């Protein structure tokens, strides 16, 4: 079993999404981050159904980087409760997954 994860979050602006992406890669917390959007999110917040335009960040990383990524999002993210979802990568191109591992290694 590998220890790689794909982590996603959303932000309210492209600028914040790009800043998060650069910081994650620069600090070797993620091998790469895809920034996409805008997307339309619908959710319940404080008892009301809300909709907002958001930007997504999808990062490829290793499990041991998760605590540092959580700390970075807490530091950089303007949302009171930012999304952070981590999913195990259960397969893929062997060469690509090896590259991800190398990029986030100490």
C-alpha atoms as a PDB file:
ATOM      1  CA  UNK A   1       0.000   0.000   0.000  1.00  0.00           C
ATOM      2  CA  UNK A   2       1.319   3.446  -0.827  1.00  0.00           C
ATOM      3  CA  UNK A   3       0.931   6.425   1.447  1.00  0.00           C
ATOM      4  CA  UNK A   4      -0.158   8.978  -1.145  1.00  0.00           C
ATOM      5  CA  UNK A   5      -3.168  11.251  -0.796  1.00  0.00           C
ATOM      6  CA  UNK A   6      -5.149  13.619  -2.959  1.00  0.00           C
ATOM      7  CA  UNK A   7      -6.305  16.584  -0.905  1.00  0.00           C
ATOM      8  CA  UNK A   8      -8.941  19.102  -1.914  1.00  0.00           C
ATOM      9  CA  UNK A   9     -10.063  22.462  -0.626  1.00  0.00           C
ATOM     10  CA  UNK A  10     -12.059  25.387  -1.983  1.00  0.00           C
ATOM     11  CA  UNK A  11     -11.528  29.130  -1.718  1.00  0.00           C
ATOM     12  CA  UNK A  12     -13.555  32.201  -2.514  1.00  0.00           C
ATOM     13  CA  UNK A  13     -11.024  33.713  -4.930  1.00  0.00           C
ATOM     14  CA  UNK A  14      -8.554  32.576  -7.540  1.00  0.00           C
ATOM     15  CA  UNK A  15      -5.815  34.588  -5.849  1.00  0.00           C
ATOM     16  CA  UNK A  16      -6.176  32.700  -2.566  1.00  0.00           C
ATOM     17  CA  UNK A  17      -6.285  29.372  -4.402  1.00  0.00           C
ATOM     18  CA  UNK A  18      -3.107  30.203  -6.297  1.00  0.00           C
ATOM     19  CA  UNK A  19      -1.344  31.378  -3.136  1.00  0.00           C
ATOM     20  CA  UNK A  20      -2.226  28.110  -1.396  1.00  0.00           C
ATOM     21  CA  UNK A  21      -0.997  26.140  -4.430  1.00  0.00           C
ATOM     22  CA  UNK A  22       2.342  27.957  -4.567  1.00  0.00           C
ATOM     23  CA  UNK A  23       2.930  27.627  -0.822  1.00  0.00           C
ATOM     24  CA  UNK A  24       2.116  23.902  -0.812  1.00  0.00           C
ATOM     25  CA  UNK A  25       4.536  23.185  -3.660  1.00  0.00           C
ATOM     26  CA  UNK A  26       7.227  25.617  -2.475  1.00  0.00           C
ATOM     27  CA  UNK A  27       7.256  24.026   0.999  1.00  0.00           C
ATOM     28  CA  UNK A  28       7.330  20.526  -0.558  1.00  0.00           C
ATOM     29  CA  UNK A  29       4.011  19.719   1.088  1.00  0.00           C
ATOM     30  CA  UNK A  30       2.527  18.788  -2.294  1.00  0.00           C
ATOM     31  CA  UNK A  31       4.063  17.596  -5.555  1.00  0.00           C
ATOM     32  CA  UNK A  32       1.536  19.577  -7.562  1.00  0.00           C
ATOM     33  CA  UNK A  33      -1.719  21.420  -7.058  1.00  0.00           C
ATOM     34  CA  UNK A  34      -4.402  21.822  -9.679  1.00  0.00           C
ATOM     35  CA  UNK A  35      -6.384  25.054  -9.368  1.00  0.00           C
ATOM     36  CA  UNK A  36      -9.726  25.076 -11.146  1.00  0.00           C
ATOM     37  CA  UNK A  37     -12.812  27.156 -11.298  1.00  0.00           C
ATOM     38  CA  UNK A  38     -14.851  28.959 -10.868  1.00  0.00           C
ATOM     39  CA  UNK A  39     -17.308  26.369  -9.629  1.00  0.00           C
ATOM     40  CA  UNK A  40     -20.651  26.920  -7.951  1.00  0.00           C
ATOM     41  CA  UNK A  41     -20.949  25.462  -4.448  1.00  0.00           C
ATOM     42  CA  UNK A  42     -24.243  24.994  -2.629  1.00  0.00           C
ATOM     43  CA  UNK A  43     -24.127  24.178   1.071  1.00  0.00           C
ATOM     44  CA  UNK A  44     -25.880  24.707   4.386  1.00  0.00           C
ATOM     45  CA  UNK A  45     -24.175  27.269   6.625  1.00  0.00           C
ATOM     46  CA  UNK A  46     -25.533  28.508   9.949  1.00  0.00           C
ATOM     47  CA  UNK A  47     -28.982  27.101   9.208  1.00  0.00           C
ATOM     48  CA  UNK A  48     -29.319  28.621   5.729  1.00  0.00           C
ATOM     49  CA  UNK A  49     -28.812  27.167   2.260  1.00  0.00           C
ATOM     50  CA  UNK A  50     -26.092  29.235   0.596  1.00  0.00           C
ATOM     51  CA  UNK A  51     -24.483  29.317  -2.853  1.00  0.00           C
ATOM     52  CA  UNK A  52     -21.130  30.804  -3.733  1.00  0.00           C
ATOM     53  CA  UNK A  53     -18.608  30.912  -6.535  1.00  0.00           C
ATOM     54  CA  UNK A  54     -15.442  29.134  -5.468  1.00  0.00           C
ATOM     55  CA  UNK A  55     -12.097  27.906  -6.764  1.00  0.00           C
ATOM     56  CA  UNK A  56     -10.828  24.388  -6.111  1.00  0.00           C
ATOM     57  CA  UNK A  57      -7.345  23.241  -5.168  1.00  0.00           C
ATOM     58  CA  UNK A  58      -6.490  19.559  -5.605  1.00  0.00           C
ATOM     59  CA  UNK A  59      -3.080  18.566  -4.242  1.00  0.00           C
ATOM     60  CA  UNK A  60      -1.113  15.336  -4.542  1.00  0.00           C
ATOM     61  CA  UNK A  61       0.960  14.562  -1.473  1.00  0.00           C
ATOM     62  CA  UNK A  62       1.944  11.931   1.082  1.00  0.00           C
ATOM     63  CA  UNK A  63       0.116  11.016   4.264  1.00  0.00           C
ATOM     64  CA  UNK A  64       2.915  12.309   6.488  1.00  0.00           C
ATOM     65  CA  UNK A  65       2.488  15.816   5.028  1.00  0.00           C
ATOM     66  CA  UNK A  66      -1.178  16.050   6.060  1.00  0.00           C
ATOM     67  CA  UNK A  67      -0.621  17.726   9.479  1.00  0.00           C
ATOM     68  CA  UNK A  68       1.566  20.431   7.906  1.00  0.00           C
ATOM     69  CA  UNK A  69      -1.017  20.982   5.154  1.00  0.00           C
ATOM     70  CA  UNK A  70      -3.748  21.351   7.780  1.00  0.00           C
ATOM     71  CA  UNK A  71      -1.614  23.943   9.597  1.00  0.00           C
ATOM     72  CA  UNK A  72      -0.889  25.835   6.375  1.00  0.00           C
ATOM     73  CA  UNK A  73      -4.569  25.997   5.443  1.00  0.00           C
ATOM     74  CA  UNK A  74      -5.390  27.275   8.917  1.00  0.00           C
ATOM     75  CA  UNK A  75      -2.748  29.977   8.422  1.00  0.00           C
ATOM     76  CA  UNK A  76      -3.607  31.046   4.863  1.00  0.00           C
ATOM     77  CA  UNK A  77      -7.285  30.275   4.377  1.00  0.00           C
ATOM     78  CA  UNK A  78      -9.748  33.111   5.018  1.00  0.00           C
ATOM     79  CA  UNK A  79     -12.746  30.800   5.670  1.00  0.00           C
ATOM     80  CA  UNK A  80     -13.838  30.217   9.250  1.00  0.00           C
ATOM     81  CA  UNK A  81     -14.024  26.492   8.508  1.00  0.00           C
ATOM     82  CA  UNK A  82     -12.177  25.644   5.274  1.00  0.00           C
ATOM     83  CA  UNK A  83     -12.834  22.408   3.451  1.00  0.00           C
ATOM     84  CA  UNK A  84     -10.037  19.885   3.688  1.00  0.00           C
ATOM     85  CA  UNK A  85     -10.768  16.424   2.316  1.00  0.00           C
ATOM     86  CA  UNK A  86      -8.044  13.800   1.968  1.00  0.00           C
ATOM     87  CA  UNK A  87      -8.524  10.690  -0.158  1.00  0.00           C
ATOM     88  CA  UNK A  88      -6.135   7.786  -0.522  1.00  0.00           C
ATOM     89  CA  UNK A  89      -4.646   7.311  -3.962  1.00  0.00           C
ATOM     90  CA  UNK A  90      -5.170   3.611  -4.544  1.00  0.00           C
ATOM     91  CA  UNK A  91      -3.620   3.354  -7.989  1.00  0.00           C
ATOM     92  CA  UNK A  92      -2.269   5.191 -10.966  1.00  0.00           C
ATOM     93  CA  UNK A  93       0.733   5.546 -13.172  1.00  0.00           C
ATOM     94  CA  UNK A  94       3.664   4.015 -11.325  1.00  0.00           C
ATOM     95  CA  UNK A  95       6.069   6.634 -12.705  1.00  0.00           C
ATOM     96  CA  UNK A  96       3.766   9.525 -11.704  1.00  0.00           C
ATOM     97  CA  UNK A  97       3.201   8.188  -8.190  1.00  0.00           C
ATOM     98  CA  UNK A  98       6.964   7.747  -7.759  1.00  0.00           C
ATOM     99  CA  UNK A  99       7.447  11.366  -8.868  1.00  0.00           C
ATOM    100  CA  UNK A 100       4.872  12.561  -6.315  1.00  0.00           C
ATOM    101  CA  UNK A 101       6.708  10.658  -3.562  1.00  0.00           C
ATOM    102  CA  UNK A 102      10.051  12.177  -4.594  1.00  0.00           C
ATOM    103  CA  UNK A 103       8.679  15.728  -4.673  1.00  0.00           C
ATOM    104  CA  UNK A 104       7.387  15.625  -1.102  1.00  0.00           C
ATOM    105  CA  UNK A 105      10.350  13.752   0.376  1.00  0.00           C
ATOM    106  CA  UNK A 106      12.593  15.527   2.877  1.00  0.00           C
END
